[in-house]
């Protein structure tokens, strides 16, 4: 089960994620690819953890990296690898789309963390681990945006 580690709350880091996600959404695909290849900054780890209140276990699954690797990258200020960076890019793009629909970071986060029948009772954030899952989430968001029941 993919549930938040703590109760919902506003955090500075959570706000940082939404700012970073908005910046990513304004980049061209070429710029995004370049950033993925260069590796996202390690500050993304903390911001995504706080925005979605993720436990270490869920963060490991989401970014395909062990907690010790993620902590080391933060401590040494090393960029993330391509897999983690691509997943963060995908999450940022979908989170931004959710924010446009749900209008607040809190409501967008809540939707991203809630199992959805239209998504096979999966959590949208969890589906962002793969591009196929992310496509399903995008379709669900498009249906919501255009008045569909999801």
Protein backbone atom coordinates (compact mmCIF):
# COMPACT_ATOMS: atom_id res chain seq x y z
CA UNK A 1 0.00 0.00 0.00
CA UNK A 2 1.32 3.42 -0.94
CA UNK A 3 0.30 5.76 1.87
CA UNK A 4 1.82 8.89 3.36
CA UNK A 5 4.22 8.45 6.25
CA UNK A 6 2.63 11.19 8.35
CA UNK A 7 -0.55 13.20 8.43
CA UNK A 8 -1.02 15.94 5.82
CA UNK A 9 0.66 19.23 6.62
CA UNK A 10 2.14 22.15 4.77
CA UNK A 11 5.91 22.23 4.73
CA UNK A 12 8.51 24.48 3.27
CA UNK A 13 9.95 21.51 1.37
CA UNK A 14 6.53 20.53 0.12
CA UNK A 15 6.14 24.04 -1.26
CA UNK A 16 9.61 23.72 -2.75
CA UNK A 17 8.53 20.65 -4.71
CA UNK A 18 5.62 22.51 -6.28
CA UNK A 19 7.91 25.39 -7.23
CA UNK A 20 10.44 22.99 -8.77
CA UNK A 21 7.69 21.05 -10.55
CA UNK A 22 6.31 24.26 -12.03
CA UNK A 23 9.78 25.16 -13.30
CA UNK A 24 10.18 21.73 -14.92
CA UNK A 25 6.79 22.01 -16.61
CA UNK A 26 7.88 25.23 -18.34
CA UNK A 27 10.99 23.68 -19.90
CA UNK A 28 11.19 22.33 -23.42
CA UNK A 29 11.57 18.59 -23.90
CA UNK A 30 15.19 19.16 -24.95
CA UNK A 31 15.88 21.06 -21.74
CA UNK A 32 14.17 18.38 -19.69
CA UNK A 33 16.21 15.63 -21.38
CA UNK A 34 19.40 17.56 -20.72
CA UNK A 35 18.47 17.92 -17.04
CA UNK A 36 17.69 14.21 -16.79
CA UNK A 37 21.04 13.28 -18.33
CA UNK A 38 22.89 15.73 -16.06
CA UNK A 39 20.98 14.45 -13.03
CA UNK A 40 18.49 16.33 -10.90
CA UNK A 41 19.85 18.18 -7.88
CA UNK A 42 19.78 16.17 -4.63
CA UNK A 43 17.40 18.72 -3.06
CA UNK A 44 14.63 17.06 -5.05
CA UNK A 45 14.80 14.07 -2.69
CA UNK A 46 13.76 16.09 0.34
CA UNK A 47 11.18 18.13 -1.55
CA UNK A 48 9.35 15.14 -3.04
CA UNK A 49 9.50 13.29 0.30
CA UNK A 50 7.88 16.25 2.06
CA UNK A 51 5.36 17.10 -0.66
CA UNK A 52 3.95 13.57 -0.65
CA UNK A 53 4.89 12.64 2.95
CA UNK A 54 6.78 9.54 1.81
CA UNK A 55 8.44 7.00 4.05
CA UNK A 56 11.98 5.89 3.21
CA UNK A 57 10.60 2.63 1.82
CA UNK A 58 8.22 4.40 -0.55
CA UNK A 59 10.89 6.88 -1.61
CA UNK A 60 13.24 3.97 -2.41
CA UNK A 61 10.58 2.34 -4.58
CA UNK A 62 9.63 5.57 -6.29
CA UNK A 63 13.19 6.59 -7.16
CA UNK A 64 14.64 3.08 -7.58
CA UNK A 65 17.45 3.81 -5.14
CA UNK A 66 18.29 2.74 -1.61
CA UNK A 67 17.91 5.13 1.29
CA UNK A 68 21.67 5.04 1.88
CA UNK A 69 22.33 6.02 -1.75
CA UNK A 70 19.81 8.86 -1.58
CA UNK A 71 21.25 10.10 1.74
CA UNK A 72 24.81 9.93 0.38
CA UNK A 73 23.84 11.93 -2.71
CA UNK A 74 22.24 14.57 -0.50
CA UNK A 75 25.18 14.70 1.90
CA UNK A 76 27.76 14.94 -0.91
CA UNK A 77 25.55 17.15 -3.07
CA UNK A 78 25.82 14.69 -5.98
CA UNK A 79 23.24 14.79 -8.78
CA UNK A 80 20.75 11.94 -8.97
CA UNK A 81 21.15 9.20 -11.55
CA UNK A 82 19.15 9.15 -14.78
CA UNK A 83 16.52 6.73 -13.51
CA UNK A 84 15.68 8.80 -10.44
CA UNK A 85 15.89 12.02 -12.44
CA UNK A 86 13.54 10.72 -15.13
CA UNK A 87 11.05 9.57 -12.51
CA UNK A 88 11.19 12.95 -10.78
CA UNK A 89 10.66 14.69 -14.12
CA UNK A 90 7.63 12.47 -14.77
CA UNK A 91 6.24 13.11 -11.28
CA UNK A 92 6.78 16.86 -11.66
CA UNK A 93 4.93 16.97 -14.97
CA UNK A 94 1.99 14.94 -13.70
CA UNK A 95 1.85 16.78 -10.38
CA UNK A 96 1.71 20.07 -12.28
CA UNK A 97 -1.16 18.73 -14.39
CA UNK A 98 -2.95 17.61 -11.20
CA UNK A 99 -2.38 21.04 -9.64
CA UNK A 100 -3.99 22.73 -12.66
CA UNK A 101 -7.06 20.54 -12.21
CA UNK A 102 -7.33 20.44 -8.41
CA UNK A 103 -6.13 24.05 -7.93
CA UNK A 104 -4.08 23.61 -4.74
CA UNK A 105 -0.95 21.61 -3.91
CA UNK A 106 -2.76 19.95 -1.01
CA UNK A 107 -5.64 18.70 -3.15
CA UNK A 108 -3.30 17.64 -5.96
CA UNK A 109 -1.10 15.75 -3.46
CA UNK A 110 -4.13 14.09 -1.92
CA UNK A 111 -5.31 12.91 -5.35
CA UNK A 112 -1.82 11.63 -6.20
CA UNK A 113 -1.80 9.56 -2.98
CA UNK A 114 -5.34 8.15 -3.19
CA UNK A 115 -6.11 4.80 -4.79
CA UNK A 116 -8.26 5.32 -7.86
CA UNK A 117 -10.69 2.76 -9.29
CA UNK A 118 -10.07 4.03 -12.83
CA UNK A 119 -6.38 3.25 -12.30
CA UNK A 120 -6.93 -0.30 -11.10
CA UNK A 121 -7.10 0.86 -7.48
CA UNK A 122 -3.51 2.12 -7.75
CA UNK A 123 -2.21 5.42 -6.40
CA UNK A 124 -1.32 7.86 -9.21
CA UNK A 125 2.05 8.62 -7.61
CA UNK A 126 2.94 4.93 -7.58
CA UNK A 127 2.04 4.61 -11.26
CA UNK A 128 4.57 7.34 -12.05
CA UNK A 129 7.32 4.76 -11.55
CA UNK A 130 6.83 3.77 -15.20
CA UNK A 131 5.93 5.65 -18.37
CA UNK A 132 3.01 3.30 -19.06
CA UNK A 133 1.61 3.98 -15.60
CA UNK A 134 2.14 7.70 -16.07
CA UNK A 135 0.17 7.56 -19.34
CA UNK A 136 -2.73 6.02 -17.43
CA UNK A 137 -2.55 8.83 -14.87
CA UNK A 138 -2.48 11.48 -17.61
CA UNK A 139 -5.59 9.95 -19.20
CA UNK A 140 -7.38 9.94 -15.84
CA UNK A 141 -6.47 13.59 -15.28
CA UNK A 142 -7.65 14.48 -18.79
CA UNK A 143 -10.97 12.75 -18.11
CA UNK A 144 -11.38 14.74 -14.89
CA UNK A 145 -10.47 17.98 -16.65
CA UNK A 146 -13.10 17.38 -19.31
CA UNK A 147 -15.84 16.39 -16.90
CA UNK A 148 -15.41 12.64 -16.95
CA UNK A 149 -16.01 10.58 -13.85
CA UNK A 150 -12.80 9.06 -12.54
